[in-house]
């Protein structure tokens, strides 16, 4: 299947074809258009607007800057970031932790890597289902053992199963798979799934995805995922 071309409800986004930026202190890869990177074919998908894979050098970070009307999720893969925002919230997000921030009517925040080692993370933006809500911040730790061979719910619109709550009817799951493990995933006709491979090689139906690849799926009742190597992946269930 050609990258970026719809085929049987599937659309592949290869890691090497993403946008990129290197600011010295920040090395970023953009699945969708972001900042100075513009790709008319990849402005977002459903309510998923931003999927940035960032590597932030030690003792650097994002200075205070504003956001509005966006649900912002940060998943730390390696290292740690300190957070501070205009609601008075402060915290350190470490490996295995997830942060959610409802920007709502307006929030100013900073994210800094105070360690000598670099931090590796995904920052994800979802458009909210309603505008003008009060800004809100939360974070939580999600043990690796709870996603080994099963879906671990990280984020939802309801806060169910100890997930972090956002203002959108969406769910984000994480799962670690062993080589040759195969599963079937059900997909409602009105919803879409985005799979983002954190690491490893998987096969979805007949398409092979590797580390940092993504794929959009819709219009099907179910699809299969087979791990070709040990794999770590995110599943976005989107309205």
C-alpha atoms as a PDB file:
ATOM      1  CA  UNK A   1       0.000   0.000   0.000  1.00  0.00           C
ATOM      2  CA  UNK A   2       1.395   3.408  -0.937  1.00  0.00           C
ATOM      3  CA  UNK A   3       2.111   5.752   1.931  1.00  0.00           C
ATOM      4  CA  UNK A   4      -0.563   8.389   2.494  1.00  0.00           C
ATOM      5  CA  UNK A   5      -3.033   6.750   0.078  1.00  0.00           C
ATOM      6  CA  UNK A   6      -6.393   5.492   1.333  1.00  0.00           C
ATOM      7  CA  UNK A   7      -6.973   1.799   0.612  1.00  0.00           C
ATOM      8  CA  UNK A   8      -9.770  -0.298   2.136  1.00  0.00           C
ATOM      9  CA  UNK A   9     -10.139   2.193   4.986  1.00  0.00           C
ATOM     10  CA  UNK A  10      -6.420   2.190   5.829  1.00  0.00           C
ATOM     11  CA  UNK A  11      -3.898   5.010   5.481  1.00  0.00           C
ATOM     12  CA  UNK A  12      -0.237   4.519   6.350  1.00  0.00           C
ATOM     13  CA  UNK A  13       2.099   7.178   7.696  1.00  0.00           C
ATOM     14  CA  UNK A  14       5.704   5.989   7.541  1.00  0.00           C
ATOM     15  CA  UNK A  15       8.121   7.343  10.130  1.00  0.00           C
ATOM     16  CA  UNK A  16      10.665   8.426   7.533  1.00  0.00           C
ATOM     17  CA  UNK A  17       8.107  10.510   5.660  1.00  0.00           C
ATOM     18  CA  UNK A  18       7.071  12.639   8.638  1.00  0.00           C
ATOM     19  CA  UNK A  19       8.022  16.274   8.971  1.00  0.00           C
ATOM     20  CA  UNK A  20      11.070  17.073  11.064  1.00  0.00           C
ATOM     21  CA  UNK A  21      12.846  19.892  12.850  1.00  0.00           C
ATOM     22  CA  UNK A  22      16.142  20.104  14.724  1.00  0.00           C
ATOM     23  CA  UNK A  23      16.664  23.110  16.964  1.00  0.00           C
ATOM     24  CA  UNK A  24      19.741  21.723  18.682  1.00  0.00           C
ATOM     25  CA  UNK A  25      17.996  21.357  22.028  1.00  0.00           C
ATOM     26  CA  UNK A  26      14.912  19.757  20.408  1.00  0.00           C
ATOM     27  CA  UNK A  27      14.736  17.058  17.734  1.00  0.00           C
ATOM     28  CA  UNK A  28      11.139  16.639  16.602  1.00  0.00           C
ATOM     29  CA  UNK A  29       9.237  14.415  14.177  1.00  0.00           C
ATOM     30  CA  UNK A  30       5.781  15.546  13.058  1.00  0.00           C
ATOM     31  CA  UNK A  31       3.121  13.065  11.906  1.00  0.00           C
ATOM     32  CA  UNK A  32       0.792  15.973  11.083  1.00  0.00           C
ATOM     33  CA  UNK A  33       1.378  19.571  10.040  1.00  0.00           C
ATOM     34  CA  UNK A  34       2.829  21.544  12.933  1.00  0.00           C
ATOM     35  CA  UNK A  35       4.601  24.880  13.317  1.00  0.00           C
ATOM     36  CA  UNK A  36       6.597  25.617  10.174  1.00  0.00           C
ATOM     37  CA  UNK A  37       5.974  22.126   8.768  1.00  0.00           C
ATOM     38  CA  UNK A  38       2.959  22.112   6.455  1.00  0.00           C
ATOM     39  CA  UNK A  39       1.618  19.109   4.545  1.00  0.00           C
ATOM     40  CA  UNK A  40      -1.888  19.590   3.138  1.00  0.00           C
ATOM     41  CA  UNK A  41      -2.387  15.801   3.048  1.00  0.00           C
ATOM     42  CA  UNK A  42      -1.642  15.474   6.758  1.00  0.00           C
ATOM     43  CA  UNK A  43      -3.446  18.225   8.677  1.00  0.00           C
ATOM     44  CA  UNK A  44      -4.731  15.760  11.263  1.00  0.00           C
ATOM     45  CA  UNK A  45      -7.106  12.820  11.311  1.00  0.00           C
ATOM     46  CA  UNK A  46     -10.540  12.928  12.895  1.00  0.00           C
ATOM     47  CA  UNK A  47     -10.031  14.726  16.260  1.00  0.00           C
ATOM     48  CA  UNK A  48      -6.318  13.803  16.326  1.00  0.00           C
ATOM     49  CA  UNK A  49      -4.522  17.027  15.429  1.00  0.00           C
ATOM     50  CA  UNK A  50      -0.899  16.586  16.601  1.00  0.00           C
ATOM     51  CA  UNK A  51       1.366  13.549  16.977  1.00  0.00           C
ATOM     52  CA  UNK A  52       4.881  14.792  17.740  1.00  0.00           C
ATOM     53  CA  UNK A  53       7.732  12.508  18.720  1.00  0.00           C
ATOM     54  CA  UNK A  54      10.200  14.724  20.588  1.00  0.00           C
ATOM     55  CA  UNK A  55      13.688  14.281  21.950  1.00  0.00           C
ATOM     56  CA  UNK A  56      14.649  17.108  24.310  1.00  0.00           C
ATOM     57  CA  UNK A  57      18.284  17.585  25.276  1.00  0.00           C
ATOM     58  CA  UNK A  58      19.312  17.764  28.925  1.00  0.00           C
ATOM     59  CA  UNK A  59      18.988  21.061  30.794  1.00  0.00           C
ATOM     60  CA  UNK A  60      16.748  22.540  28.099  1.00  0.00           C
ATOM     61  CA  UNK A  61      13.042  22.679  27.358  1.00  0.00           C
ATOM     62  CA  UNK A  62      10.031  24.689  26.268  1.00  0.00           C
ATOM     63  CA  UNK A  63       9.785  28.130  27.924  1.00  0.00           C
ATOM     64  CA  UNK A  64       6.377  29.425  29.028  1.00  0.00           C
ATOM     65  CA  UNK A  65       3.943  29.584  26.109  1.00  0.00           C
ATOM     66  CA  UNK A  66       0.138  29.683  25.704  1.00  0.00           C
ATOM     67  CA  UNK A  67      -2.429  27.169  24.437  1.00  0.00           C
ATOM     68  CA  UNK A  68      -6.189  27.334  23.882  1.00  0.00           C
ATOM     69  CA  UNK A  69      -8.966  24.886  23.011  1.00  0.00           C
ATOM     70  CA  UNK A  70      -6.871  21.724  22.805  1.00  0.00           C
ATOM     71  CA  UNK A  71      -6.544  18.497  24.795  1.00  0.00           C
ATOM     72  CA  UNK A  72      -2.777  17.937  25.190  1.00  0.00           C
ATOM     73  CA  UNK A  73      -1.403  14.529  26.199  1.00  0.00           C
ATOM     74  CA  UNK A  74       2.259  13.850  26.938  1.00  0.00           C
ATOM     75  CA  UNK A  75       3.589  10.285  27.173  1.00  0.00           C
ATOM     76  CA  UNK A  76       7.129  10.017  28.560  1.00  0.00           C
ATOM     77  CA  UNK A  77       9.088   7.133  27.020  1.00  0.00           C
ATOM     78  CA  UNK A  78      12.478   7.947  28.543  1.00  0.00           C
ATOM     79  CA  UNK A  79      13.749  10.616  30.931  1.00  0.00           C
ATOM     80  CA  UNK A  80      11.630  13.222  32.707  1.00  0.00           C
ATOM     81  CA  UNK A  81      10.141  16.701  32.279  1.00  0.00           C
ATOM     82  CA  UNK A  82       9.159  19.268  34.889  1.00  0.00           C
ATOM     83  CA  UNK A  83       5.852  21.035  34.291  1.00  0.00           C
ATOM     84  CA  UNK A  84       4.520  24.364  35.521  1.00  0.00           C
ATOM     85  CA  UNK A  85       1.413  26.217  34.357  1.00  0.00           C
ATOM     86  CA  UNK A  86      -0.801  29.226  34.990  1.00  0.00           C
ATOM     87  CA  UNK A  87      -3.342  27.185  36.991  1.00  0.00           C
ATOM     88  CA  UNK A  88      -0.682  26.751  39.686  1.00  0.00           C
ATOM     89  CA  UNK A  89      -0.037  23.111  38.804  1.00  0.00           C
ATOM     90  CA  UNK A  90       3.518  21.845  39.119  1.00  0.00           C
ATOM     91  CA  UNK A  91       4.991  18.382  38.711  1.00  0.00           C
ATOM     92  CA  UNK A  92       7.635  16.128  37.240  1.00  0.00           C
ATOM     93  CA  UNK A  93       6.553  13.659  34.552  1.00  0.00           C
ATOM     94  CA  UNK A  94       8.777  10.584  34.465  1.00  0.00           C
ATOM     95  CA  UNK A  95       9.191   7.514  32.294  1.00  0.00           C
ATOM     96  CA  UNK A  96       5.996   5.454  32.366  1.00  0.00           C
ATOM     97  CA  UNK A  97       3.862   8.462  33.273  1.00  0.00           C
ATOM     98  CA  UNK A  98       1.250  10.308  31.248  1.00  0.00           C
ATOM     99  CA  UNK A  99       0.185  13.933  31.533  1.00  0.00           C
ATOM    100  CA  UNK A 100      -3.043  15.500  30.298  1.00  0.00           C
ATOM    101  CA  UNK A 101      -3.725  19.201  30.019  1.00  0.00           C
ATOM    102  CA  UNK A 102      -7.054  20.654  28.933  1.00  0.00           C
ATOM    103  CA  UNK A 103      -6.054  24.061  27.581  1.00  0.00           C
ATOM    104  CA  UNK A 104      -9.682  25.136  27.337  1.00  0.00           C
ATOM    105  CA  UNK A 105     -10.236  28.896  27.619  1.00  0.00           C
ATOM    106  CA  UNK A 106      -6.484  29.460  27.890  1.00  0.00           C
ATOM    107  CA  UNK A 107      -3.414  28.236  29.744  1.00  0.00           C
ATOM    108  CA  UNK A 108       0.278  29.138  29.860  1.00  0.00           C
ATOM    109  CA  UNK A 109       2.801  26.409  30.671  1.00  0.00           C
ATOM    110  CA  UNK A 110       6.447  25.385  30.460  1.00  0.00           C
ATOM    111  CA  UNK A 111       8.069  21.960  30.039  1.00  0.00           C
ATOM    112  CA  UNK A 112      11.738  21.575  30.969  1.00  0.00           C
ATOM    113  CA  UNK A 113      14.240  18.719  31.083  1.00  0.00           C
ATOM    114  CA  UNK A 114      16.310  19.389  34.192  1.00  0.00           C
ATOM    115  CA  UNK A 115      18.428  16.235  33.855  1.00  0.00           C
ATOM    116  CA  UNK A 116      21.691  15.835  31.950  1.00  0.00           C
ATOM    117  CA  UNK A 117      20.213  13.030  29.831  1.00  0.00           C
ATOM    118  CA  UNK A 118      17.796  13.646  26.969  1.00  0.00           C
ATOM    119  CA  UNK A 119      14.064  12.989  27.310  1.00  0.00           C
ATOM    120  CA  UNK A 120      12.061  11.051  24.703  1.00  0.00           C
ATOM    121  CA  UNK A 121       8.316  11.540  24.513  1.00  0.00           C
ATOM    122  CA  UNK A 122       5.180  11.743  22.442  1.00  0.00           C
ATOM    123  CA  UNK A 123       3.096  14.901  22.629  1.00  0.00           C
ATOM    124  CA  UNK A 124      -0.424  14.467  21.287  1.00  0.00           C
ATOM    125  CA  UNK A 125      -3.143  17.044  20.713  1.00  0.00           C
ATOM    126  CA  UNK A 126      -6.845  16.263  20.333  1.00  0.00           C
ATOM    127  CA  UNK A 127      -9.482  18.849  19.483  1.00  0.00           C
ATOM    128  CA  UNK A 128     -12.021  19.077  22.353  1.00  0.00           C
ATOM    129  CA  UNK A 129     -15.694  18.217  22.043  1.00  0.00           C
ATOM    130  CA  UNK A 130     -16.630  21.566  23.605  1.00  0.00           C
ATOM    131  CA  UNK A 131     -14.905  24.929  23.823  1.00  0.00           C
ATOM    132  CA  UNK A 132     -14.376  27.392  26.649  1.00  0.00           C
ATOM    133  CA  UNK A 133     -13.909  24.870  29.455  1.00  0.00           C
ATOM    134  CA  UNK A 134     -11.798  25.744  32.489  1.00  0.00           C
ATOM    135  CA  UNK A 135      -8.134  24.731  32.029  1.00  0.00           C
ATOM    136  CA  UNK A 136      -7.178  21.540  33.871  1.00  0.00           C
ATOM    137  CA  UNK A 137      -4.034  19.455  34.484  1.00  0.00           C
ATOM    138  CA  UNK A 138      -3.491  15.882  35.666  1.00  0.00           C
ATOM    139  CA  UNK A 139      -0.877  13.132  35.491  1.00  0.00           C
ATOM    140  CA  UNK A 140      -0.542   9.495  36.501  1.00  0.00           C
ATOM    141  CA  UNK A 141       1.827   6.525  36.435  1.00  0.00           C
ATOM    142  CA  UNK A 142       0.871   3.479  34.345  1.00  0.00           C
ATOM    143  CA  UNK A 143       2.829   0.316  35.284  1.00  0.00           C
ATOM    144  CA  UNK A 144       4.369  -1.618  32.390  1.00  0.00           C
ATOM    145  CA  UNK A 145       3.075  -4.921  33.803  1.00  0.00           C
ATOM    146  CA  UNK A 146      -0.500  -3.770  33.173  1.00  0.00           C
ATOM    147  CA  UNK A 147       0.014  -3.483  29.411  1.00  0.00           C
ATOM    148  CA  UNK A 148       1.984  -6.677  28.804  1.00  0.00           C
ATOM    149  CA  UNK A 149      -0.293  -8.715  26.533  1.00  0.00           C
ATOM    150  CA  UNK A 150      -3.347  -6.536  27.211  1.00  0.00           C
ATOM    151  CA  UNK A 151      -4.688  -3.082  26.435  1.00  0.00           C
ATOM    152  CA  UNK A 152      -3.948  -0.527  29.135  1.00  0.00           C
ATOM    153  CA  UNK A 153      -6.322   2.452  29.061  1.00  0.00           C
ATOM    154  CA  UNK A 154      -4.347   5.664  29.532  1.00  0.00           C
ATOM    155  CA  UNK A 155      -6.808   8.401  28.572  1.00  0.00           C
ATOM    156  CA  UNK A 156     -10.578   8.584  28.120  1.00  0.00           C
ATOM    157  CA  UNK A 157     -13.486  10.995  28.109  1.00  0.00           C
ATOM    158  CA  UNK A 158     -14.932   9.413  31.249  1.00  0.00           C
ATOM    159  CA  UNK A 159     -11.913   8.668  33.432  1.00  0.00           C
ATOM    160  CA  UNK A 160     -12.894   4.987  33.570  1.00  0.00           C
ATOM    161  CA  UNK A 161     -10.443   2.277  34.672  1.00  0.00           C
ATOM    162  CA  UNK A 162      -8.276   4.897  36.427  1.00  0.00           C
ATOM    163  CA  UNK A 163      -7.509   6.587  33.110  1.00  0.00           C
ATOM    164  CA  UNK A 164      -6.814  10.299  32.809  1.00  0.00           C
ATOM    165  CA  UNK A 165      -9.888  12.247  31.739  1.00  0.00           C
ATOM    166  CA  UNK A 166     -10.048  14.593  28.748  1.00  0.00           C
ATOM    167  CA  UNK A 167     -12.787  16.678  27.140  1.00  0.00           C
ATOM    168  CA  UNK A 168     -13.309  14.411  24.130  1.00  0.00           C
ATOM    169  CA  UNK A 169     -15.057  11.101  23.421  1.00  0.00           C
ATOM    170  CA  UNK A 170     -11.743   9.404  22.664  1.00  0.00           C
ATOM    171  CA  UNK A 171      -9.626   6.698  24.273  1.00  0.00           C
ATOM    172  CA  UNK A 172      -5.890   6.071  24.158  1.00  0.00           C
ATOM    173  CA  UNK A 173      -4.564   2.601  24.936  1.00  0.00           C
ATOM    174  CA  UNK A 174      -1.046   1.199  25.207  1.00  0.00           C
ATOM    175  CA  UNK A 175      -0.014  -2.421  24.747  1.00  0.00           C
ATOM    176  CA  UNK A 176       3.225  -4.400  24.723  1.00  0.00           C
ATOM    177  CA  UNK A 177       3.235  -7.517  22.543  1.00  0.00           C
ATOM    178  CA  UNK A 178       5.579 -10.488  22.408  1.00  0.00           C
ATOM    179  CA  UNK A 179       6.925 -11.876  19.113  1.00  0.00           C
ATOM    180  CA  UNK A 180       4.278 -13.881  17.199  1.00  0.00           C
ATOM    181  CA  UNK A 181       1.472 -12.652  19.449  1.00  0.00           C
ATOM    182  CA  UNK A 182      -1.625 -12.001  17.346  1.00  0.00           C
ATOM    183  CA  UNK A 183      -4.872 -10.257  18.272  1.00  0.00           C
ATOM    184  CA  UNK A 184      -8.117  -9.197  16.622  1.00  0.00           C
ATOM    185  CA  UNK A 185      -9.345  -5.646  17.228  1.00  0.00           C
ATOM    186  CA  UNK A 186     -12.989  -4.644  16.824  1.00  0.00           C
ATOM    187  CA  UNK A 187     -13.799  -1.280  15.266  1.00  0.00           C
ATOM    188  CA  UNK A 188     -17.221   0.383  15.389  1.00  0.00           C
ATOM    189  CA  UNK A 189     -18.485   1.641  12.036  1.00  0.00           C
ATOM    190  CA  UNK A 190     -18.764   5.260  13.235  1.00  0.00           C
ATOM    191  CA  UNK A 191     -15.293   5.417  14.787  1.00  0.00           C
ATOM    192  CA  UNK A 192     -11.687   5.280  13.653  1.00  0.00           C
ATOM    193  CA  UNK A 193      -8.517   3.771  15.073  1.00  0.00           C
ATOM    194  CA  UNK A 194      -5.038   5.208  14.779  1.00  0.00           C
ATOM    195  CA  UNK A 195      -2.170   2.861  15.650  1.00  0.00           C
ATOM    196  CA  UNK A 196       1.192   4.433  16.514  1.00  0.00           C
ATOM    197  CA  UNK A 197       4.135   2.058  16.887  1.00  0.00           C
ATOM    198  CA  UNK A 198       6.388   3.182  19.747  1.00  0.00           C
ATOM    199  CA  UNK A 199       8.903   0.426  19.038  1.00  0.00           C
ATOM    200  CA  UNK A 200       9.174  -2.932  17.292  1.00  0.00           C
ATOM    201  CA  UNK A 201       7.689  -4.408  14.124  1.00  0.00           C
ATOM    202  CA  UNK A 202       4.049  -5.371  13.687  1.00  0.00           C
ATOM    203  CA  UNK A 203       1.760  -6.465  10.874  1.00  0.00           C
ATOM    204  CA  UNK A 204      -1.757  -5.056  10.547  1.00  0.00           C
ATOM    205  CA  UNK A 205      -3.650  -7.245   8.110  1.00  0.00           C
ATOM    206  CA  UNK A 206      -1.058  -7.320   5.287  1.00  0.00           C
ATOM    207  CA  UNK A 207       0.819  -4.110   6.087  1.00  0.00           C
ATOM    208  CA  UNK A 208       4.080  -4.102   8.044  1.00  0.00           C
ATOM    209  CA  UNK A 209       4.750  -1.223  10.427  1.00  0.00           C
ATOM    210  CA  UNK A 210       8.017  -0.476  12.190  1.00  0.00           C
ATOM    211  CA  UNK A 211       9.091   1.834  15.012  1.00  0.00           C
ATOM    212  CA  UNK A 212       7.429   5.274  14.802  1.00  0.00           C
ATOM    213  CA  UNK A 213       5.148   4.303  11.893  1.00  0.00           C
ATOM    214  CA  UNK A 214       1.445   5.090  12.171  1.00  0.00           C
ATOM    215  CA  UNK A 215      -1.700   3.920  10.432  1.00  0.00           C
ATOM    216  CA  UNK A 216      -5.314   5.133  10.285  1.00  0.00           C
ATOM    217  CA  UNK A 217      -8.108   2.573  10.071  1.00  0.00           C
ATOM    218  CA  UNK A 218     -11.826   3.086   9.555  1.00  0.00           C
ATOM    219  CA  UNK A 219     -14.790   1.531   7.813  1.00  0.00           C
ATOM    220  CA  UNK A 220     -14.025  -2.040   8.931  1.00  0.00           C
ATOM    221  CA  UNK A 221     -15.553  -4.235  11.623  1.00  0.00           C
ATOM    222  CA  UNK A 222     -12.240  -5.668  12.764  1.00  0.00           C
ATOM    223  CA  UNK A 223      -8.559  -5.931  11.903  1.00  0.00           C
ATOM    224  CA  UNK A 224      -5.667  -8.087  13.058  1.00  0.00           C
ATOM    225  CA  UNK A 225      -2.375  -7.097  14.682  1.00  0.00           C
ATOM    226  CA  UNK A 226       0.556  -9.514  14.753  1.00  0.00           C
ATOM    227  CA  UNK A 227       3.832  -8.722  16.508  1.00  0.00           C
ATOM    228  CA  UNK A 228       6.823  -9.659  14.346  1.00  0.00           C
ATOM    229  CA  UNK A 229       9.210  -8.641  17.150  1.00  0.00           C
ATOM    230  CA  UNK A 230       8.654  -7.458  20.691  1.00  0.00           C
ATOM    231  CA  UNK A 231       6.491  -4.373  20.168  1.00  0.00           C
ATOM    232  CA  UNK A 232       5.093  -1.419  22.078  1.00  0.00           C
ATOM    233  CA  UNK A 233       2.156   0.445  20.553  1.00  0.00           C
ATOM    234  CA  UNK A 234      -0.546   3.035  21.116  1.00  0.00           C
ATOM    235  CA  UNK A 235      -4.139   2.679  19.930  1.00  0.00           C
ATOM    236  CA  UNK A 236      -6.342   5.767  19.559  1.00  0.00           C
ATOM    237  CA  UNK A 237     -10.097   5.094  19.458  1.00  0.00           C
ATOM    238  CA  UNK A 238     -11.561   8.264  17.948  1.00  0.00           C
ATOM    239  CA  UNK A 239     -15.033   9.618  17.184  1.00  0.00           C
END
